[in-house]
Amino acid sequence: MKNKMLAFGIGGTLLAALCCFTPLLPIVLTALGLTGLLGVLYNDAVLLPILAGFLILTWYAIWQRRKQ
């Protein structure tokens, strides 16, 4: 369970960081035909809390692993 949580946290952190700091999200949404969501999703008020949440999840998984 803890390995899955760590993998999910790291994967989510990497994906959120890529979407925050590169134009990956607009390219993917355009390719999928969902450009109407760009105004809502490609916003720092949405992406930065998601990134923070995944960072906290990653930290918690590492902390649980070291605790054992």
PDB file of N, CA and C in Angstrom:
ATOM      1  N   MET A   1       0.825  -1.197   0.000  1.00  0.00           N
ATOM      2  CA  MET A   1       0.000   0.000   0.000  1.00  0.00           C
ATOM      3  C   MET A   1       0.862   1.251   0.000  1.00  0.00           C
ATOM      4  N   LYS A   2       1.920   1.253   0.812  1.00  0.00           N
ATOM      5  CA  LYS A   2       2.746   2.443   0.913  1.00  0.00           C
ATOM      6  C   LYS A   2       3.542   2.687  -0.372  1.00  0.00           C
ATOM      7  N   ASN A   3       3.953   1.607  -1.044  1.00  0.00           N
ATOM      8  CA  ASN A   3       4.645   1.771  -2.315  1.00  0.00           C
ATOM      9  C   ASN A   3       3.720   2.355  -3.368  1.00  0.00           C
ATOM     10  N   LYS A   4       2.464   1.955  -3.352  1.00  0.00           N
ATOM     11  CA  LYS A   4       1.492   2.493  -4.303  1.00  0.00           C
ATOM     12  C   LYS A   4       1.241   3.973  -4.023  1.00  0.00           C
ATOM     13  N   MET A   5       1.158   4.324  -2.742  1.00  0.00           N
ATOM     14  CA  MET A   5       0.924   5.713  -2.386  1.00  0.00           C
ATOM     15  C   MET A   5       2.117   6.574  -2.796  1.00  0.00           C
ATOM     16  N   LEU A   6       3.312   6.072  -2.600  1.00  0.00           N
ATOM     17  CA  LEU A   6       4.507   6.807  -2.993  1.00  0.00           C
ATOM     18  C   LEU A   6       4.578   6.958  -4.511  1.00  0.00           C
ATOM     19  N   ALA A   7       4.291   5.909  -5.227  1.00  0.00           N
ATOM     20  CA  ALA A   7       4.299   5.970  -6.688  1.00  0.00           C
ATOM     21  C   ALA A   7       3.240   6.935  -7.205  1.00  0.00           C
ATOM     22  N   PHE A   8       2.050   6.901  -6.607  1.00  0.00           N
ATOM     23  CA  PHE A   8       0.984   7.809  -7.007  1.00  0.00           C
ATOM     24  C   PHE A   8       1.365   9.255  -6.709  1.00  0.00           C
ATOM     25  N   GLY A   9       1.977   9.483  -5.566  1.00  0.00           N
ATOM     26  CA  GLY A   9       2.392  10.829  -5.193  1.00  0.00           C
ATOM     27  C   GLY A   9       3.471  11.377  -6.106  1.00  0.00           C
ATOM     28  N   ILE A  10       4.460  10.563  -6.408  1.00  0.00           N
ATOM     29  CA  ILE A  10       5.543  11.007  -7.287  1.00  0.00           C
ATOM     30  C   ILE A  10       5.031  11.222  -8.705  1.00  0.00           C
ATOM     31  N   GLY A  11       4.218  10.302  -9.190  1.00  0.00           N
ATOM     32  CA  GLY A  11       3.656  10.458 -10.533  1.00  0.00           C
ATOM     33  C   GLY A  11       2.772  11.695 -10.647  1.00  0.00           C
ATOM     34  N   GLY A  12       1.933  11.917  -9.660  1.00  0.00           N
ATOM     35  CA  GLY A  12       1.078  13.097  -9.669  1.00  0.00           C
ATOM     36  C   GLY A  12       1.870  14.379  -9.558  1.00  0.00           C
ATOM     37  N   THR A  13       2.925  14.362  -8.748  1.00  0.00           N
ATOM     38  CA  THR A  13       3.783  15.539  -8.616  1.00  0.00           C
ATOM     39  C   THR A  13       4.459  15.865  -9.936  1.00  0.00           C
ATOM     40  N   LEU A  14       4.986  14.853 -10.599  1.00  0.00           N
ATOM     41  CA  LEU A  14       5.644  15.080 -11.886  1.00  0.00           C
ATOM     42  C   LEU A  14       4.663  15.588 -12.935  1.00  0.00           C
ATOM     43  N   LEU A  15       3.489  14.996 -12.990  1.00  0.00           N
ATOM     44  CA  LEU A  15       2.492  15.425 -13.969  1.00  0.00           C
ATOM     45  C   LEU A  15       2.009  16.846 -13.689  1.00  0.00           C
ATOM     46  N   ALA A  16       1.754  17.152 -12.430  1.00  0.00           N
ATOM     47  CA  ALA A  16       1.311  18.499 -12.081  1.00  0.00           C
ATOM     48  C   ALA A  16       2.413  19.520 -12.352  1.00  0.00           C
ATOM     49  N   ALA A  17       3.665  19.169 -12.064  1.00  0.00           N
ATOM     50  CA  ALA A  17       4.768  20.087 -12.333  1.00  0.00           C
ATOM     51  C   ALA A  17       4.927  20.323 -13.835  1.00  0.00           C
ATOM     52  N   LEU A  18       4.784  19.264 -14.621  1.00  0.00           N
ATOM     53  CA  LEU A  18       4.856  19.429 -16.073  1.00  0.00           C
ATOM     54  C   LEU A  18       3.740  20.327 -16.588  1.00  0.00           C
ATOM     55  N   CYS A  19       2.557  20.167 -16.040  1.00  0.00           N
ATOM     56  CA  CYS A  19       1.430  20.992 -16.480  1.00  0.00           C
ATOM     57  C   CYS A  19       1.565  22.436 -15.997  1.00  0.00           C
ATOM     58  N   CYS A  20       2.202  22.639 -14.857  1.00  0.00           N
ATOM     59  CA  CYS A  20       2.384  23.997 -14.325  1.00  0.00           C
ATOM     60  C   CYS A  20       3.447  24.770 -15.092  1.00  0.00           C
ATOM     61  N   PHE A  21       4.560  24.128 -15.380  1.00  0.00           N
ATOM     62  CA  PHE A  21       5.731  24.844 -15.851  1.00  0.00           C
ATOM     63  C   PHE A  21       6.043  24.654 -17.328  1.00  0.00           C
ATOM     64  N   THR A  22       5.276  23.866 -18.028  1.00  0.00           N
ATOM     65  CA  THR A  22       5.466  23.690 -19.475  1.00  0.00           C
ATOM     66  C   THR A  22       4.103  23.816 -20.149  1.00  0.00           C
ATOM     67  N   PRO A  23       4.087  23.998 -21.448  1.00  0.00           N
ATOM     68  CA  PRO A  23       2.799  24.076 -22.150  1.00  0.00           C
ATOM     69  C   PRO A  23       2.210  22.700 -22.483  1.00  0.00           C
ATOM     70  N   LEU A  24       2.448  21.725 -21.633  1.00  0.00           N
ATOM     71  CA  LEU A  24       1.955  20.373 -21.882  1.00  0.00           C
ATOM     72  C   LEU A  24       0.432  20.301 -21.844  1.00  0.00           C
ATOM     73  N   LEU A  25      -0.177  20.936 -20.863  1.00  0.00           N
ATOM     74  CA  LEU A  25      -1.631  20.861 -20.703  1.00  0.00           C
ATOM     75  C   LEU A  25      -2.389  21.437 -21.901  1.00  0.00           C
ATOM     76  N   PRO A  26      -2.030  22.622 -22.415  1.00  0.00           N
ATOM     77  CA  PRO A  26      -2.741  23.109 -23.601  1.00  0.00           C
ATOM     78  C   PRO A  26      -2.567  22.214 -24.821  1.00  0.00           C
ATOM     79  N   ILE A  27      -1.388  21.625 -24.974  1.00  0.00           N
ATOM     80  CA  ILE A  27      -1.155  20.733 -26.118  1.00  0.00           C
ATOM     81  C   ILE A  27      -2.031  19.492 -26.012  1.00  0.00           C
ATOM     82  N   VAL A  28      -2.078  18.896 -24.828  1.00  0.00           N
ATOM     83  CA  VAL A  28      -2.872  17.676 -24.630  1.00  0.00           C
ATOM     84  C   VAL A  28      -4.363  17.971 -24.778  1.00  0.00           C
ATOM     85  N   LEU A  29      -4.824  19.060 -24.175  1.00  0.00           N
ATOM     86  CA  LEU A  29      -6.248  19.386 -24.274  1.00  0.00           C
ATOM     87  C   LEU A  29      -6.646  19.731 -25.699  1.00  0.00           C
ATOM     88  N   THR A  30      -5.766  20.382 -26.453  1.00  0.00           N
ATOM     89  CA  THR A  30      -6.048  20.682 -27.855  1.00  0.00           C
ATOM     90  C   THR A  30      -6.106  19.396 -28.671  1.00  0.00           C
ATOM     91  N   ALA A  31      -5.193  18.475 -28.401  1.00  0.00           N
ATOM     92  CA  ALA A  31      -5.184  17.198 -29.126  1.00  0.00           C
ATOM     93  C   ALA A  31      -6.449  16.393 -28.836  1.00  0.00           C
ATOM     94  N   LEU A  32      -6.980  16.514 -27.636  1.00  0.00           N
ATOM     95  CA  LEU A  32      -8.195  15.783 -27.267  1.00  0.00           C
ATOM     96  C   LEU A  32      -9.472  16.518 -27.667  1.00  0.00           C
ATOM     97  N   GLY A  33      -9.334  17.745 -28.163  1.00  0.00           N
ATOM     98  CA  GLY A  33     -10.499  18.524 -28.557  1.00  0.00           C
ATOM     99  C   GLY A  33     -11.219  19.161 -27.380  1.00  0.00           C
ATOM    100  N   LEU A  34     -10.516  19.384 -26.293  1.00  0.00           N
ATOM    101  CA  LEU A  34     -11.114  19.950 -25.084  1.00  0.00           C
ATOM    102  C   LEU A  34     -10.564  21.345 -24.794  1.00  0.00           C
ATOM    103  N   THR A  35     -10.419  22.166 -25.823  1.00  0.00           N
ATOM    104  CA  THR A  35      -9.835  23.491 -25.626  1.00  0.00           C
ATOM    105  C   THR A  35     -10.734  24.401 -24.797  1.00  0.00           C
ATOM    106  N   GLY A  36     -11.979  24.087 -24.649  1.00  0.00           N
ATOM    107  CA  GLY A  36     -12.872  24.883 -23.811  1.00  0.00           C
ATOM    108  C   GLY A  36     -12.506  24.813 -22.338  1.00  0.00           C
ATOM    109  N   LEU A  37     -11.789  23.779 -21.945  1.00  0.00           N
ATOM    110  CA  LEU A  37     -11.378  23.631 -20.547  1.00  0.00           C
ATOM    111  C   LEU A  37     -10.093  24.386 -20.212  1.00  0.00           C
ATOM    112  N   LEU A  38      -9.439  24.958 -21.216  1.00  0.00           N
ATOM    113  CA  LEU A  38      -8.176  25.641 -20.967  1.00  0.00           C
ATOM    114  C   LEU A  38      -8.331  26.814 -20.008  1.00  0.00           C
ATOM    115  N   GLY A  39      -9.412  27.577 -20.138  1.00  0.00           N
ATOM    116  CA  GLY A  39      -9.605  28.725 -19.264  1.00  0.00           C
ATOM    117  C   GLY A  39      -9.785  28.336 -17.814  1.00  0.00           C
ATOM    118  N   VAL A  40     -10.299  27.148 -17.575  1.00  0.00           N
ATOM    119  CA  VAL A  40     -10.546  26.690 -16.209  1.00  0.00           C
ATOM    120  C   VAL A  40      -9.330  25.966 -15.640  1.00  0.00           C
ATOM    121  N   LEU A  41      -8.747  25.060 -16.403  1.00  0.00           N
ATOM    122  CA  LEU A  41      -7.683  24.202 -15.892  1.00  0.00           C
ATOM    123  C   LEU A  41      -6.296  24.819 -15.962  1.00  0.00           C
ATOM    124  N   TYR A  42      -6.033  25.614 -17.000  1.00  0.00           N
ATOM    125  CA  TYR A  42      -4.686  26.172 -17.160  1.00  0.00           C
ATOM    126  C   TYR A  42      -4.623  27.488 -16.396  1.00  0.00           C
ATOM    127  N   ASN A  43      -4.712  27.359 -15.086  1.00  0.00           N
ATOM    128  CA  ASN A  43      -4.782  28.501 -14.192  1.00  0.00           C
ATOM    129  C   ASN A  43      -3.952  28.152 -12.957  1.00  0.00           C
ATOM    130  N   ASP A  44      -3.155  29.099 -12.506  1.00  0.00           N
ATOM    131  CA  ASP A  44      -2.321  28.824 -11.336  1.00  0.00           C
ATOM    132  C   ASP A  44      -3.140  28.564 -10.087  1.00  0.00           C
ATOM    133  N   ALA A  45      -4.342  29.120 -10.021  1.00  0.00           N
ATOM    134  CA  ALA A  45      -5.191  28.902  -8.845  1.00  0.00           C
ATOM    135  C   ALA A  45      -5.691  27.460  -8.788  1.00  0.00           C
ATOM    136  N   VAL A  46      -5.626  26.742  -9.883  1.00  0.00           N
ATOM    137  CA  VAL A  46      -6.042  25.333  -9.919  1.00  0.00           C
ATOM    138  C   VAL A  46      -4.824  24.415  -9.855  1.00  0.00           C
ATOM    139  N   LEU A  47      -3.804  24.702 -10.650  1.00  0.00           N
ATOM    140  CA  LEU A  47      -2.665  23.789 -10.776  1.00  0.00           C
ATOM    141  C   LEU A  47      -1.739  23.798  -9.558  1.00  0.00           C
ATOM    142  N   LEU A  48      -1.520  24.946  -8.961  1.00  0.00           N
ATOM    143  CA  LEU A  48      -0.603  24.992  -7.820  1.00  0.00           C
ATOM    144  C   LEU A  48      -1.143  24.267  -6.584  1.00  0.00           C
ATOM    145  N   PRO A  49      -2.429  24.364  -6.236  1.00  0.00           N
ATOM    146  CA  PRO A  49      -2.925  23.538  -5.123  1.00  0.00           C
ATOM    147  C   PRO A  49      -2.865  22.036  -5.416  1.00  0.00           C
ATOM    148  N   ILE A  50      -3.066  21.656  -6.674  1.00  0.00           N
ATOM    149  CA  ILE A  50      -2.943  20.243  -7.042  1.00  0.00           C
ATOM    150  C   ILE A  50      -1.500  19.790  -6.848  1.00  0.00           C
ATOM    151  N   LEU A  51      -0.553  20.620  -7.290  1.00  0.00           N
ATOM    152  CA  LEU A  51       0.866  20.308  -7.102  1.00  0.00           C
ATOM    153  C   LEU A  51       1.204  20.214  -5.618  1.00  0.00           C
ATOM    154  N   ALA A  52       0.706  21.137  -4.827  1.00  0.00           N
ATOM    155  CA  ALA A  52       0.964  21.110  -3.383  1.00  0.00           C
ATOM    156  C   ALA A  52       0.377  19.852  -2.738  1.00  0.00           C
ATOM    157  N   GLY A  53      -0.806  19.456  -3.157  1.00  0.00           N
ATOM    158  CA  GLY A  53      -1.428  18.249  -2.616  1.00  0.00           C
ATOM    159  C   GLY A  53      -0.615  16.999  -2.919  1.00  0.00           C
ATOM    160  N   PHE A  54      -0.123  16.889  -4.153  1.00  0.00           N
ATOM    161  CA  PHE A  54       0.701  15.729  -4.498  1.00  0.00           C
ATOM    162  C   PHE A  54       2.043  15.763  -3.782  1.00  0.00           C
ATOM    163  N   LEU A  55       2.602  16.945  -3.565  1.00  0.00           N
ATOM    164  CA  LEU A  55       3.844  17.034  -2.804  1.00  0.00           C
ATOM    165  C   LEU A  55       3.638  16.587  -1.359  1.00  0.00           C
ATOM    166  N   ILE A  56       2.519  16.990  -0.771  1.00  0.00           N
ATOM    167  CA  ILE A  56       2.198  16.565   0.595  1.00  0.00           C
ATOM    168  C   ILE A  56       1.990  15.053   0.649  1.00  0.00           C
ATOM    169  N   LEU A  57       1.310  14.491  -0.342  1.00  0.00           N
ATOM    170  CA  LEU A  57       1.101  13.044  -0.394  1.00  0.00           C
ATOM    171  C   LEU A  57       2.433  12.305  -0.512  1.00  0.00           C
ATOM    172  N   THR A  58       3.339  12.813  -1.340  1.00  0.00           N
ATOM    173  CA  THR A  58       4.649  12.198  -1.492  1.00  0.00           C
ATOM    174  C   THR A  58       5.434  12.265  -0.193  1.00  0.00           C
ATOM    175  N   TRP A  59       5.416  13.423   0.457  1.00  0.00           N
ATOM    176  CA  TRP A  59       6.100  13.576   1.740  1.00  0.00           C
ATOM    177  C   TRP A  59       5.535  12.611   2.780  1.00  0.00           C
ATOM    178  N   TYR A  60       4.215  12.478   2.827  1.00  0.00           N
ATOM    179  CA  TYR A  60       3.582  11.587   3.796  1.00  0.00           C
ATOM    180  C   TYR A  60       3.965  10.128   3.540  1.00  0.00           C
ATOM    181  N   ALA A  61       3.996   9.723   2.275  1.00  0.00           N
ATOM    182  CA  ALA A  61       4.372   8.343   1.955  1.00  0.00           C
ATOM    183  C   ALA A  61       5.818   8.064   2.339  1.00  0.00           C
ATOM    184  N   ILE A  62       6.706   9.024   2.106  1.00  0.00           N
ATOM    185  CA  ILE A  62       8.106   8.855   2.500  1.00  0.00           C
ATOM    186  C   ILE A  62       8.224   8.815   4.017  1.00  0.00           C
ATOM    187  N   TRP A  63       7.481   9.661   4.697  1.00  0.00           N
ATOM    188  CA  TRP A  63       7.509   9.693   6.152  1.00  0.00           C
ATOM    189  C   TRP A  63       7.008   8.372   6.743  1.00  0.00           C
ATOM    190  N   GLN A  64       5.955   7.806   6.182  1.00  0.00           N
ATOM    191  CA  GLN A  64       5.432   6.521   6.655  1.00  0.00           C
ATOM    192  C   GLN A  64       6.452   5.412   6.402  1.00  0.00           C
ATOM    193  N   ARG A  65       7.142   5.475   5.301  1.00  0.00           N
ATOM    194  CA  ARG A  65       8.130   4.461   4.969  1.00  0.00           C
ATOM    195  C   ARG A  65       9.313   4.501   5.939  1.00  0.00           C
ATOM    196  N   ARG A  66       9.776   5.711   6.285  1.00  0.00           N
ATOM    197  CA  ARG A  66      10.891   5.847   7.217  1.00  0.00           C
ATOM    198  C   ARG A  66      10.497   5.490   8.635  1.00  0.00           C
ATOM    199  N   LYS A  67       9.240   5.678   8.968  1.00  0.00           N
ATOM    200  CA  LYS A  67       8.749   5.400  10.307  1.00  0.00           C
ATOM    201  C   LYS A  67       8.799   3.901  10.621  1.00  0.00           C
ATOM    202  N   GLN A  68       8.673   3.088   9.613  1.00  0.00           N
ATOM    203  CA  GLN A  68       8.677   1.639   9.832  1.00  0.00           C
ATOM    204  C   GLN A  68      10.033   1.110  10.010  1.00  0.00           C
TER     205      GLN A  68
END
